[in-house]
Protein backbone atom coordinates (compact mmCIF):
# COMPACT_ATOMS: atom_id res chain seq x y z
CA MET A 1 -0.10 -63.41 173.46
CA THR A 2 0.03 -59.53 173.44
CA ARG A 3 -0.47 -57.37 170.32
CA VAL A 4 3.25 -56.70 170.07
CA GLN A 5 4.07 -60.36 170.33
CA ARG A 6 1.52 -61.20 167.65
CA SER A 7 2.99 -58.56 165.37
CA ILE A 8 6.51 -59.75 165.93
CA ALA A 9 5.37 -63.36 165.12
CA GLY A 10 3.76 -62.22 161.96
CA PHE A 11 6.78 -60.26 161.01
CA ALA A 12 9.04 -63.28 161.48
CA LEU A 13 6.80 -65.32 159.19
CA CYS A 14 6.85 -62.59 156.65
CA VAL A 15 10.64 -62.41 156.45
CA SER A 16 10.84 -66.13 155.85
CA LEU A 17 8.86 -65.96 152.57
CA PRO A 18 10.83 -66.66 149.44
CA TRP A 19 12.42 -63.42 148.15
CA SER A 20 11.26 -64.29 144.58
CA LEU A 21 7.70 -64.23 145.82
CA ALA A 22 8.11 -60.74 147.16
CA THR A 23 9.76 -59.40 144.04
CA THR A 24 7.18 -60.84 141.61
CA THR A 25 4.33 -58.68 142.87
CA ARG A 26 6.15 -55.60 144.00
CA GLN A 27 6.94 -54.12 140.53
CA ALA A 28 3.89 -51.91 140.44
CA GLU A 29 4.17 -51.03 144.21
CA GLN A 30 7.40 -49.15 144.48
CA PRO A 31 6.96 -46.04 146.61
CA ASP A 32 8.71 -42.86 145.35
CA PRO A 33 12.17 -42.38 146.94
CA LEU A 34 11.58 -40.28 150.16
CA LEU A 35 14.93 -38.49 150.37
CA ASP A 36 15.02 -37.22 146.85
CA ASP A 37 12.88 -34.36 148.00
CA HIS A 38 12.91 -34.58 151.77
CA LEU A 39 15.61 -33.87 154.34
CA LEU A 40 15.51 -35.92 157.58
CA ILE A 41 16.62 -34.03 160.76
CA THR A 42 16.89 -36.24 163.85
CA TRP A 43 17.56 -35.92 167.58
CA TYR A 44 19.52 -38.86 168.77
CA GLY A 45 19.71 -40.69 172.17
CA ASN A 46 17.61 -42.68 174.54
CA PRO A 47 14.94 -41.18 176.82
CA ARG A 48 16.45 -42.93 179.85
CA SER A 49 19.83 -41.46 179.47
CA THR A 50 21.15 -37.85 179.62
CA ARG A 51 24.57 -39.12 178.47
CA MET A 52 23.68 -40.77 175.15
CA GLY A 53 22.40 -37.53 173.37
CA ILE A 54 20.03 -34.62 173.16
CA LEU A 55 17.04 -36.84 173.06
CA GLY A 56 17.36 -37.81 176.62
CA GLU A 57 18.67 -34.40 177.94
CA VAL A 58 15.12 -32.73 177.47
CA SER A 59 11.68 -34.11 177.58
CA GLY A 60 8.02 -33.35 176.73
CA ALA A 61 7.19 -29.99 175.13
CA GLU A 62 10.76 -28.69 175.47
CA ARG A 63 12.08 -31.73 173.43
CA ALA A 64 9.50 -31.34 170.77
CA GLU A 65 9.98 -27.54 170.47
CA GLY A 66 13.70 -27.83 170.37
CA LEU A 67 13.71 -30.35 167.60
CA ARG A 68 11.12 -28.24 165.83
CA ARG A 69 13.47 -25.29 165.94
CA GLN A 70 16.41 -27.28 164.72
CA ALA A 71 14.45 -28.56 161.84
CA ALA A 72 13.21 -25.03 160.92
CA ALA A 73 16.67 -23.78 160.63
CA TYR A 74 17.18 -26.23 157.77
CA GLN A 75 13.92 -25.35 156.05
CA ARG A 76 15.42 -21.91 155.46
CA VAL A 77 18.45 -23.32 153.57
CA THR A 78 17.03 -26.19 151.53
CA PRO A 79 14.28 -26.48 148.86
CA LYS A 80 13.50 -29.96 150.28
CA ARG A 81 10.64 -30.62 152.74
CA VAL A 82 12.25 -31.02 156.22
CA LEU A 83 11.12 -34.05 158.22
CA PRO A 84 12.00 -33.95 162.01
CA ALA A 85 12.44 -37.20 163.74
CA TYR A 86 13.14 -38.73 167.20
CA HIS A 87 16.09 -41.03 166.87
CA VAL A 88 15.88 -43.54 169.71
CA VAL A 89 18.70 -46.03 170.42
CA ALA A 90 16.34 -48.96 170.88
CA VAL A 91 19.06 -51.51 171.36
CA VAL A 92 21.78 -50.24 173.55
CA ALA A 93 25.25 -51.91 173.70
CA GLN A 94 26.37 -52.87 177.24
CA CYS A 95 29.76 -53.26 178.87
CA THR A 96 28.54 -56.39 180.61
CA ALA A 97 27.20 -59.60 179.03
CA GLY A 98 23.77 -59.61 180.48
CA ALA A 99 21.76 -62.78 181.24
CA ASP A 100 21.74 -63.85 177.68
CA GLY A 101 25.39 -62.98 176.99
CA LYS A 102 24.41 -60.62 174.13
CA TRP A 103 26.12 -57.53 175.67
CA ARG A 104 23.14 -55.40 174.76
CA ARG A 105 19.91 -54.03 176.31
CA ARG A 106 16.65 -54.02 174.44
CA GLU A 107 14.54 -50.94 175.27
CA THR A 108 11.05 -51.78 176.51
CA ALA A 109 8.07 -51.76 174.19
CA ASP A 110 6.34 -49.19 176.51
CA VAL A 111 9.21 -46.73 176.19
CA ILE A 112 9.38 -47.06 172.36
CA GLN A 113 5.61 -46.64 172.26
CA ARG A 114 5.71 -43.43 174.26
CA MET A 115 8.37 -42.16 171.98
CA LEU A 116 6.32 -43.06 168.88
CA ASP A 117 3.18 -41.48 170.46
CA GLU A 118 5.10 -38.30 171.20
CA ALA A 119 6.62 -38.13 167.79
CA ARG A 120 3.21 -38.58 166.18
CA ALA A 121 1.62 -35.99 168.37
CA ASN A 122 4.11 -33.49 166.97
CA GLY A 123 4.18 -34.55 163.34
CA PHE A 124 7.53 -36.14 163.62
CA LYS A 125 8.95 -39.55 162.32
CA LEU A 126 10.68 -42.16 164.64
CA VAL A 127 14.03 -43.80 163.91
CA LEU A 128 15.00 -46.96 165.86
CA ASP A 129 18.72 -47.36 166.24
CA ILE A 130 20.38 -50.80 166.92
CA GLN A 131 23.64 -51.32 168.67
CA PRO A 132 23.81 -55.14 168.35
CA GLY A 133 26.55 -55.89 170.87
CA ARG A 134 27.08 -59.71 170.36
CA SER A 135 23.61 -60.28 169.12
CA THR A 136 22.67 -60.32 165.37
CA VAL A 137 21.12 -57.74 163.09
CA ALA A 138 18.53 -60.29 162.07
CA ASP A 139 17.53 -60.98 165.73
CA GLU A 140 17.35 -57.34 166.64
CA VAL A 141 15.40 -56.25 163.60
CA ALA A 142 12.93 -59.15 164.32
CA ALA A 143 12.51 -58.06 167.95
CA LEU A 144 11.66 -54.55 166.81
CA GLY A 145 9.35 -55.89 164.05
CA ALA A 146 6.09 -54.58 165.58
CA PHE A 147 7.36 -51.06 165.48
CA LEU A 148 9.29 -51.17 162.17
CA ALA A 149 6.09 -52.45 160.58
CA GLU A 150 4.56 -48.95 161.33
CA PRO A 151 4.61 -46.54 158.39
CA ASP A 152 6.40 -43.74 160.21
CA VAL A 153 9.12 -45.75 161.82
CA TYR A 154 12.69 -46.02 160.22
CA LEU A 155 15.78 -48.13 161.11
CA ALA A 156 19.49 -47.31 161.84
CA LEU A 157 22.37 -49.80 162.40
CA ASP A 158 25.54 -48.90 164.25
CA PRO A 159 28.73 -50.82 163.30
CA GLU A 160 30.76 -49.26 166.11
CA PHE A 161 28.81 -51.52 168.59
CA THR A 162 28.59 -54.69 166.39
CA MET A 163 30.88 -57.06 168.25
CA LYS A 164 32.69 -60.23 167.44
CA SER A 165 32.41 -63.13 169.91
CA CYS A 166 35.31 -62.02 172.11
CA ASP A 167 34.90 -58.14 171.81
CA VAL A 168 33.44 -55.76 174.39
CA PRO A 169 31.34 -52.74 173.43
CA GLY A 170 33.17 -49.56 174.29
CA ARG A 171 36.63 -51.18 174.16
CA THR A 172 36.69 -52.24 170.53
CA ILE A 173 35.26 -50.42 167.46
CA GLY A 174 33.17 -53.01 165.80
CA GLN A 175 32.30 -53.98 162.15
CA LEU A 176 29.18 -54.58 160.34
CA ARG A 177 29.21 -56.83 157.32
CA ALA A 178 27.35 -56.10 154.10
CA ALA A 179 25.50 -59.41 154.48
CA ASP A 180 23.97 -58.24 157.77
CA VAL A 181 22.97 -54.86 156.17
CA ASN A 182 21.33 -56.69 153.31
CA ILE A 183 19.39 -58.81 155.85
CA ALA A 184 18.03 -55.55 157.32
CA ILE A 185 17.25 -54.20 153.86
CA GLU A 186 15.31 -57.33 152.86
CA ALA A 187 13.38 -57.33 156.17
CA LEU A 188 12.27 -53.76 155.53
CA GLU A 189 11.43 -54.50 151.98
CA THR A 190 9.31 -57.50 153.00
CA MET A 191 7.38 -55.33 155.48
CA ILE A 192 6.79 -52.65 152.97
CA HIS A 193 5.50 -55.24 150.33
CA THR A 194 3.34 -57.27 152.91
CA ALA A 195 1.76 -54.27 154.70
CA ARG A 196 1.83 -51.92 151.70
CA LEU A 197 3.82 -49.40 153.66
CA PRO A 198 5.29 -46.12 152.32
CA ARG A 199 9.04 -46.17 151.56
CA LYS A 200 11.38 -46.53 154.60
CA VAL A 201 14.88 -45.19 155.55
CA LEU A 202 17.75 -47.31 156.69
CA ILE A 203 20.77 -45.31 158.24
CA LEU A 204 24.31 -46.83 158.60
CA HIS A 205 26.82 -45.10 160.85
CA GLN A 206 30.56 -44.91 160.01
CA PHE A 207 33.59 -42.97 161.17
CA THR A 208 36.44 -45.40 160.41
CA LEU A 209 37.04 -47.21 157.11
CA ALA A 210 37.20 -50.62 158.85
CA MET A 211 33.62 -50.26 160.27
CA LEU A 212 31.97 -51.21 157.02
CA PRO A 213 34.77 -53.33 155.28
CA ASP A 214 32.74 -54.69 152.35
CA LYS A 215 30.46 -51.65 151.89
CA HIS A 216 30.50 -52.18 148.18
CA GLU A 217 28.54 -55.40 148.51
CA ILE A 218 25.56 -53.56 150.18
CA ARG A 219 22.89 -53.86 147.53
CA ALA A 220 20.61 -51.19 146.15
CA SER A 221 16.93 -51.10 147.08
CA ARG A 222 13.88 -49.93 145.19
CA LEU A 223 11.90 -49.63 148.35
CA VAL A 224 14.39 -48.46 151.15
CA ASP A 225 16.40 -45.31 151.08
CA VAL A 226 19.81 -46.42 152.32
CA VAL A 227 21.89 -43.67 154.09
CA LEU A 228 25.57 -43.68 154.79
CA ASP A 229 25.95 -41.35 157.92
CA MET A 230 29.29 -39.88 158.79
CA ASP A 231 29.49 -40.33 162.55
CA GLY A 232 32.05 -39.10 165.03
CA PHE A 233 32.81 -35.83 166.81
CA GLY A 234 35.63 -33.33 166.43
CA SER A 235 36.71 -30.11 164.75
CA GLN A 236 35.21 -29.06 161.39
CA SER A 237 38.44 -29.90 159.56
CA LEU A 238 38.56 -33.42 161.17
CA LYS A 239 34.73 -33.91 160.15
CA ARG A 240 35.19 -32.65 156.70
CA SER A 241 38.14 -35.00 156.10
CA THR A 242 36.31 -37.98 157.57
CA TYR A 243 33.21 -37.22 155.58
CA ARG A 244 35.31 -37.15 152.32
CA ALA A 245 37.25 -40.27 153.23
CA ILE A 246 34.12 -42.53 154.03
CA MET A 247 32.27 -41.35 150.96
CA ARG A 248 35.35 -41.85 148.79
CA GLN A 249 35.61 -45.37 150.15
CA GLY A 250 32.16 -46.10 148.83
CA SER A 251 29.04 -43.92 149.01
CA LEU A 252 25.52 -45.34 149.21
CA ALA A 253 22.34 -44.04 147.80
CA TYR A 254 22.11 -41.14 150.30
CA ALA A 255 24.54 -39.40 152.42
CA GLY A 256 24.15 -38.21 156.08
CA ILE A 257 26.15 -36.64 158.79
CA LYS A 258 25.96 -36.71 162.65
CA LEU A 259 26.62 -33.61 164.70
CA PHE A 260 27.38 -33.39 168.41
CA TYR A 261 26.00 -30.40 170.33
CA ARG A 262 28.54 -30.79 173.19
CA GLN A 263 31.64 -32.61 171.71
CA ASP A 264 32.02 -30.91 168.29
CA THR A 265 34.33 -27.97 168.01
CA GLN A 266 32.64 -25.12 166.14
CA LEU A 267 29.34 -26.83 165.42
CA PHE A 268 28.52 -26.77 161.77
CA THR A 269 25.76 -24.31 160.74
CA PRO A 270 22.87 -25.55 158.58
CA GLU A 271 24.44 -23.67 155.58
CA GLU A 272 27.77 -25.45 156.15
CA VAL A 273 26.12 -28.78 156.31
CA MET A 274 24.24 -28.33 153.16
CA ALA A 275 27.48 -27.21 151.37
CA LEU A 276 29.07 -30.58 152.00
CA THR A 277 29.63 -32.89 148.93
CA PRO A 278 27.51 -35.06 148.54
CA THR A 279 24.72 -33.00 150.05
CA PRO A 280 23.42 -34.72 153.26
CA SER A 281 19.92 -36.04 153.07
CA VAL A 282 19.97 -36.93 156.79
CA VAL A 283 21.33 -34.76 159.66
CA ILE A 284 21.53 -36.35 163.11
CA TYR A 285 22.11 -34.26 166.26
CA GLN A 286 23.52 -36.10 169.27
């Protein structure tokens, strides 16, 4: 059994512990909220693809320096400490079923480890993004358990690519239920408690109201900063109205926004981003 397999097996055992056992000993171990005084700036994509986002369009020193420059542009307009992060789509929805019929591809441990090593070499964080296809959030979080148990690795979930049993990624906009989000929150909380990790971030993408239909049932967390990220590209006016609509439907502990270098019309400046209400605590560039 490899180190990664042992870590995943250990994580699976951790998440099966009774929730009451975790909460009874956690009261004195609550790490301070990260996003109260930090702003997370991420570059999104997959290193194998030049089409999924900026993260795969450049590599090596050019990638690290580009993200560093983007993060520095925000440090000039916010009193918070800016944290750059690589945002890797680690579970990629597919338009074909695949051998297991799950309509998703799991990125290899070697690729994820290389991105984590590169992030650490540059003082960045790492976000692992899950597009479940017809798999489940629980299974995909467990499969990434060895990496999510690292202190500098965060999680994102994408409802757009969370499919029902008869839906196909890319043809239908999916939905993510609060129960699945709460499973992810509990899994992260258990990791934090068991391994005495620092606070983690969980990002949820949304650009239509139907993507998170029971968002009000997503529970609060004392150990995880839960972020509602306004996804989707378009003009500034469209993005502002979408941002207002999804936050009005139901905000979470922290707000975020995704910007598209190529598809957005008149890309928001850092000053314009930080003038949004609520003020974003996470800014994702695709």
